[in-house]
Amino acid sequence: MSAGAFTPAERRALRALGSPHGVQRALDAMPYHRAGTAWSPRRVLREGTAHCLEGAIFAAVALRVLGHPPLLVDLEAVQDTDHVLCVYRVRGHWGAIAKSNFTGLRYREPVYRTVRELVMSYFEGYVNLRGDRTLRAYSLPVNLARFDRRRPGWMTSEGDLWWVAEHLVGVPHRRLLTPAMIGSLRRIDRRSLDAALVGHEGGR
């Protein structure tokens, strides 16, 4: 299934985002969706709200319309929730788009040489409400085009896409830290935690 599954009006709306930064601006303008759903990009476009997973899948489709492959990376945490990034490459360097209530867990410019380097840029800002640094592992990019033959279509389904989340959790993840590194971690200071939580409304 290609992006042609969308209506002409939906395709125009997605193309109008124009660039990865435009996609991130659209996500930032949406209220954080505080619900236990996994909406398709069509539903996010219609309802104008998204949470982390929904925002990443929406971004992947928007980038697909703009000529990029629809790639997601899962970030795995301890004593915290996972986070999902939509990643893309420009001139061989990686960037990311994400929907998050945490200040430092959203957009990244395409300046990172590897996916690991990109993921590590999220380490300091990836904290729980106690201030613990919780990021531990990441997946390699998953191309959502692998699901194009699935029915109903993942881009336009009216049902939830929890099976996408299950796939992301189930793929191999690469560890970021050694046990010695983990043992020496300290909580971030209060000022840094306050900065991370600016605008926080619950959820990752």
Protein backbone atom coordinates (compact mmCIF):
# COMPACT_ATOMS: atom_id res chain seq x y z
CA MET A 1 0.00 0.00 0.00
CA SER A 2 1.40 3.38 -0.96
CA ALA A 3 0.56 6.85 0.29
CA GLY A 4 -2.04 6.78 -2.46
CA ALA A 5 -4.34 5.14 0.11
CA PHE A 6 -5.05 8.64 1.41
CA THR A 7 -7.67 10.93 -0.05
CA PRO A 8 -6.45 13.84 -2.20
CA ALA A 9 -7.22 16.23 0.69
CA GLU A 10 -5.22 14.10 3.13
CA ARG A 11 -2.25 13.92 0.75
CA ARG A 12 -2.34 17.69 0.31
CA ALA A 13 -2.35 18.18 4.08
CA LEU A 14 0.63 15.86 4.50
CA ARG A 15 2.59 17.38 1.60
CA ALA A 16 1.94 20.86 3.01
CA LEU A 17 4.11 19.98 6.02
CA GLY A 18 6.99 20.35 3.57
CA SER A 19 9.97 19.03 5.53
CA PRO A 20 10.93 17.03 8.62
CA HIS A 21 10.95 20.25 10.63
CA GLY A 22 7.48 21.04 9.32
CA VAL A 23 6.28 17.62 10.46
CA GLN A 24 7.72 18.28 13.92
CA ARG A 25 6.01 21.68 14.08
CA ALA A 26 2.69 19.99 13.30
CA LEU A 27 3.21 17.46 16.09
CA ASP A 28 4.24 20.16 18.56
CA ALA A 29 1.04 22.06 17.77
CA MET A 30 -1.12 19.02 18.58
CA PRO A 31 -2.32 18.49 22.15
CA TYR A 32 -0.80 15.43 23.78
CA HIS A 33 -3.27 12.56 23.41
CA ARG A 34 -3.73 11.19 26.92
CA ALA A 35 -5.55 8.00 25.97
CA GLY A 36 -4.78 4.31 25.67
CA THR A 37 -5.05 4.23 21.90
CA ALA A 38 -2.79 3.54 18.94
CA TRP A 39 -4.36 5.61 16.19
CA SER A 40 -3.37 5.41 12.55
CA PRO A 41 -1.98 8.48 10.76
CA ARG A 42 -5.39 9.04 9.17
CA ARG A 43 -7.03 9.30 12.59
CA VAL A 44 -4.28 11.56 13.94
CA LEU A 45 -4.73 13.83 10.93
CA ARG A 46 -8.49 13.89 11.47
CA GLU A 47 -8.51 14.31 15.26
CA GLY A 48 -5.51 16.63 15.55
CA THR A 49 -3.99 14.97 18.60
CA ALA A 50 -1.34 12.28 19.21
CA HIS A 51 0.84 10.70 21.84
CA CYS A 52 4.36 9.30 21.46
CA LEU A 53 3.58 6.19 19.39
CA GLU A 54 0.84 7.83 17.34
CA GLY A 55 3.05 10.84 16.66
CA ALA A 56 5.96 8.72 15.45
CA ILE A 57 3.79 6.67 13.08
CA PHE A 58 2.14 9.85 11.81
CA ALA A 59 5.56 11.39 11.20
CA ALA A 60 6.72 8.29 9.35
CA VAL A 61 3.80 8.56 6.93
CA ALA A 62 4.25 12.31 6.50
CA LEU A 63 7.92 11.76 5.63
CA ARG A 64 6.93 8.98 3.25
CA VAL A 65 4.72 11.42 1.36
CA LEU A 66 7.71 13.77 1.26
CA GLY A 67 9.97 11.08 -0.24
CA HIS A 68 11.60 9.45 2.81
CA PRO A 69 11.21 5.81 3.91
CA PRO A 70 8.88 5.40 6.95
CA LEU A 71 11.39 4.44 9.66
CA LEU A 72 10.83 4.04 13.41
CA VAL A 73 13.34 3.44 16.23
CA ASP A 74 12.23 2.15 19.63
CA LEU A 75 14.00 3.47 22.73
CA GLU A 76 13.89 1.07 25.68
CA ALA A 77 13.95 2.32 29.27
CA VAL A 78 13.95 0.94 32.82
CA GLN A 79 11.55 2.19 35.52
CA ASP A 80 10.06 4.34 32.79
CA THR A 81 8.12 4.07 29.53
CA ASP A 82 9.65 3.40 26.13
CA HIS A 83 9.79 6.15 23.52
CA VAL A 84 9.43 5.90 19.73
CA LEU A 85 11.27 8.06 17.20
CA CYS A 86 10.61 8.59 13.52
CA VAL A 87 14.08 8.78 12.00
CA TYR A 88 15.29 10.03 8.63
CA ARG A 89 18.54 10.68 6.75
CA VAL A 90 19.76 13.74 4.88
CA ARG A 91 23.10 13.58 3.07
CA GLY A 92 24.02 10.45 5.02
CA HIS A 93 23.26 11.84 8.48
CA TRP A 94 20.44 10.89 10.83
CA GLY A 95 17.78 13.11 12.37
CA ALA A 96 14.56 12.38 14.27
CA ILE A 97 10.99 13.55 14.82
CA ALA A 98 9.05 12.69 17.98
CA LYS A 99 6.02 13.61 20.04
CA SER A 100 6.83 13.97 23.72
CA ASN A 101 5.86 15.77 26.91
CA PHE A 102 9.53 15.91 27.86
CA THR A 103 11.44 18.94 26.61
CA GLY A 104 14.51 17.12 25.31
CA LEU A 105 12.88 14.11 23.65
CA ARG A 106 11.54 15.62 20.45
CA TYR A 107 13.22 16.85 17.25
CA ARG A 108 16.82 16.26 16.20
CA GLU A 109 18.51 17.88 13.22
CA PRO A 110 20.05 15.43 10.71
CA VAL A 111 23.65 15.82 11.93
CA TYR A 112 24.30 12.41 13.52
CA ARG A 113 26.58 9.94 11.73
CA THR A 114 25.00 6.78 13.14
CA VAL A 115 21.71 5.72 14.70
CA ARG A 116 23.53 5.06 17.99
CA GLU A 117 24.98 8.57 17.97
CA LEU A 118 21.47 9.95 17.38
CA VAL A 119 20.02 7.83 20.19
CA MET A 120 22.71 8.91 22.65
CA SER A 121 21.67 12.52 22.10
CA TYR A 122 18.50 11.60 24.03
CA PHE A 123 20.31 10.09 27.02
CA GLU A 124 20.56 13.12 29.31
CA GLY A 125 16.99 14.22 28.70
CA TYR A 126 15.52 10.72 29.06
CA VAL A 127 14.55 10.79 32.75
CA ASN A 128 11.64 9.68 34.90
CA LEU A 129 9.82 11.91 37.36
CA ARG A 130 12.40 11.15 40.05
CA GLY A 131 15.20 12.37 37.82
CA ASP A 132 16.71 8.94 37.10
CA ARG A 133 18.44 8.56 33.74
CA THR A 134 16.48 5.63 32.34
CA LEU A 135 17.42 5.05 28.68
CA ARG A 136 19.11 1.65 28.22
CA ALA A 137 18.72 0.28 24.68
CA TYR A 138 17.50 0.99 21.17
CA SER A 139 16.34 -0.85 18.09
CA LEU A 140 17.72 -0.42 14.61
CA PRO A 141 15.30 1.41 12.27
CA VAL A 142 12.15 -0.55 11.41
CA ASN A 143 10.73 0.25 7.97
CA LEU A 144 6.94 0.34 8.26
CA ALA A 145 6.67 -0.41 4.54
CA ARG A 146 7.02 -4.05 5.62
CA PHE A 147 3.38 -3.81 6.75
CA ASP A 148 1.98 -2.41 3.50
CA ARG A 149 0.27 -5.69 2.60
CA ARG A 150 -1.45 -6.01 5.95
CA ARG A 151 -5.20 -5.36 6.05
CA PRO A 152 -6.63 -3.07 7.15
CA GLY A 153 -3.88 -0.72 6.00
CA TRP A 154 -1.72 0.66 8.80
CA MET A 155 -1.71 4.19 7.38
CA THR A 156 -5.48 4.58 7.16
CA SER A 157 -6.95 2.02 9.57
CA GLU A 158 -9.84 3.02 11.80
CA GLY A 159 -8.67 0.44 14.34
CA ASP A 160 -5.76 0.68 16.76
CA LEU A 161 -2.24 -0.23 15.65
CA TRP A 162 -1.04 -1.94 18.82
CA TRP A 163 0.55 -4.64 16.66
CA VAL A 164 3.06 -2.01 15.45
CA ALA A 165 4.06 -1.34 19.07
CA GLU A 166 4.32 -5.07 19.72
CA HIS A 167 6.60 -5.48 16.72
CA LEU A 168 8.85 -2.63 17.87
CA VAL A 169 9.17 -4.09 21.35
CA GLY A 170 9.90 -7.54 19.92
CA VAL A 171 12.76 -6.65 17.57
CA PRO A 172 16.34 -6.95 18.85
CA HIS A 173 17.59 -3.98 20.87
CA ARG A 174 21.19 -2.88 21.37
CA ARG A 175 22.41 -1.99 24.83
CA LEU A 176 23.81 1.49 25.37
CA LEU A 177 25.49 1.11 28.77
CA THR A 178 27.66 -1.40 30.57
CA PRO A 179 26.67 -2.64 34.04
CA ALA A 180 29.47 -0.52 35.50
CA MET A 181 28.11 2.59 33.79
CA ILE A 182 24.61 1.86 35.08
CA GLY A 183 25.89 1.37 38.61
CA SER A 184 27.53 4.79 38.65
CA LEU A 185 24.58 6.79 37.31
CA ARG A 186 23.23 9.60 39.46
CA ARG A 187 19.95 11.48 39.31
CA ILE A 188 19.90 14.77 37.44
CA ASP A 189 19.73 17.97 39.47
CA ARG A 190 16.43 19.70 40.27
CA ARG A 191 16.91 22.53 37.77
CA SER A 192 17.55 20.08 34.93
CA LEU A 193 14.48 18.05 35.94
CA ASP A 194 12.32 21.17 36.01
CA ALA A 195 13.58 22.08 32.52
CA ALA A 196 12.81 18.58 31.24
CA LEU A 197 9.23 18.85 32.52
CA VAL A 198 8.28 22.23 31.06
CA GLY A 199 4.76 21.75 29.69
CA HIS A 200 4.58 18.15 30.93
CA GLU A 201 1.04 16.77 30.98
CA GLY A 202 1.65 13.12 31.79
CA GLY A 203 2.98 10.35 29.58
CA ARG A 204 6.32 10.09 27.76
